[in-house]
């Protein structure tokens, strides 16, 4: 499932979709920044998602972290 389909299924408006997409990007950047180390990044997904129990957005966040 991609972000557009997820938002469509949740009946979000275009503005809500754009906000959701930007929130995912912002969250991914906030996670990436302190974890960067010598031209690479290590993600322990168990630690990344301990604070966020929303199962629906984990997939989108992982995809954004890959970019």
Protein backbone atom coordinates (compact mmCIF):
# COMPACT_ATOMS: atom_id res chain seq x y z
CA UNK A 1 0.00 0.00 0.00
CA UNK A 2 1.26 3.48 -0.74
CA UNK A 3 0.52 6.74 1.04
CA UNK A 4 -2.02 7.88 -1.57
CA UNK A 5 -4.06 4.66 -1.29
CA UNK A 6 -3.88 4.73 2.51
CA UNK A 7 -5.15 8.32 2.62
CA UNK A 8 -7.87 7.55 0.07
CA UNK A 9 -9.03 4.58 2.17
CA UNK A 10 -9.12 6.88 5.23
CA UNK A 11 -11.18 9.38 3.17
CA UNK A 12 -8.70 12.20 3.69
CA UNK A 13 -8.95 15.39 1.68
CA UNK A 14 -6.11 16.48 -0.60
CA UNK A 15 -4.94 18.95 2.04
CA UNK A 16 -4.96 16.24 4.72
CA UNK A 17 -3.04 13.95 2.34
CA UNK A 18 -0.38 16.60 1.74
CA UNK A 19 -0.08 17.26 5.48
CA UNK A 20 0.19 13.54 6.22
CA UNK A 21 2.89 13.11 3.58
CA UNK A 22 4.88 16.07 4.94
CA UNK A 23 4.51 14.77 8.51
CA UNK A 24 6.00 11.43 7.45
CA UNK A 25 8.94 13.22 5.80
CA UNK A 26 9.47 15.44 8.85
CA UNK A 27 9.34 12.50 11.23
CA UNK A 28 11.81 10.53 9.10
CA UNK A 29 14.20 13.50 9.06
CA UNK A 30 13.91 13.90 12.83
CA UNK A 31 14.80 10.23 13.26
CA UNK A 32 17.65 10.31 10.71
CA UNK A 33 19.47 13.35 12.01
CA UNK A 34 20.77 12.05 15.36
CA UNK A 35 21.49 8.58 13.93
CA UNK A 36 23.84 9.60 11.12
CA UNK A 37 27.33 8.23 11.63
CA UNK A 38 30.29 8.33 9.25
CA UNK A 39 28.44 8.56 5.94
CA UNK A 40 25.94 5.89 6.92
CA UNK A 41 22.90 5.42 9.08
CA UNK A 42 21.91 2.51 11.28
CA UNK A 43 18.28 2.02 12.23
CA UNK A 44 17.18 -0.29 14.97
CA UNK A 45 13.51 -0.56 14.07
CA UNK A 46 12.69 -1.97 17.50
CA UNK A 47 13.92 1.23 19.10
CA UNK A 48 12.55 3.56 16.44
CA UNK A 49 8.98 2.47 16.93
CA UNK A 50 8.78 2.07 20.69
CA UNK A 51 7.29 5.55 21.03
CA UNK A 52 4.87 5.28 18.11
CA UNK A 53 2.37 2.45 18.28
CA UNK A 54 0.50 3.47 15.13
CA UNK A 55 0.99 0.34 13.01
CA UNK A 56 -0.49 2.00 9.92
CA UNK A 57 2.30 4.49 9.36
CA UNK A 58 5.31 2.28 10.15
CA UNK A 59 5.51 1.10 6.54
CA UNK A 60 5.47 4.66 5.19
CA UNK A 61 8.07 5.81 7.70
CA UNK A 62 10.42 2.95 6.81
CA UNK A 63 10.03 3.76 3.11
CA UNK A 64 10.87 7.41 3.79
CA UNK A 65 13.91 6.43 5.86
CA UNK A 66 15.24 4.44 2.90
CA UNK A 67 15.40 7.59 0.74
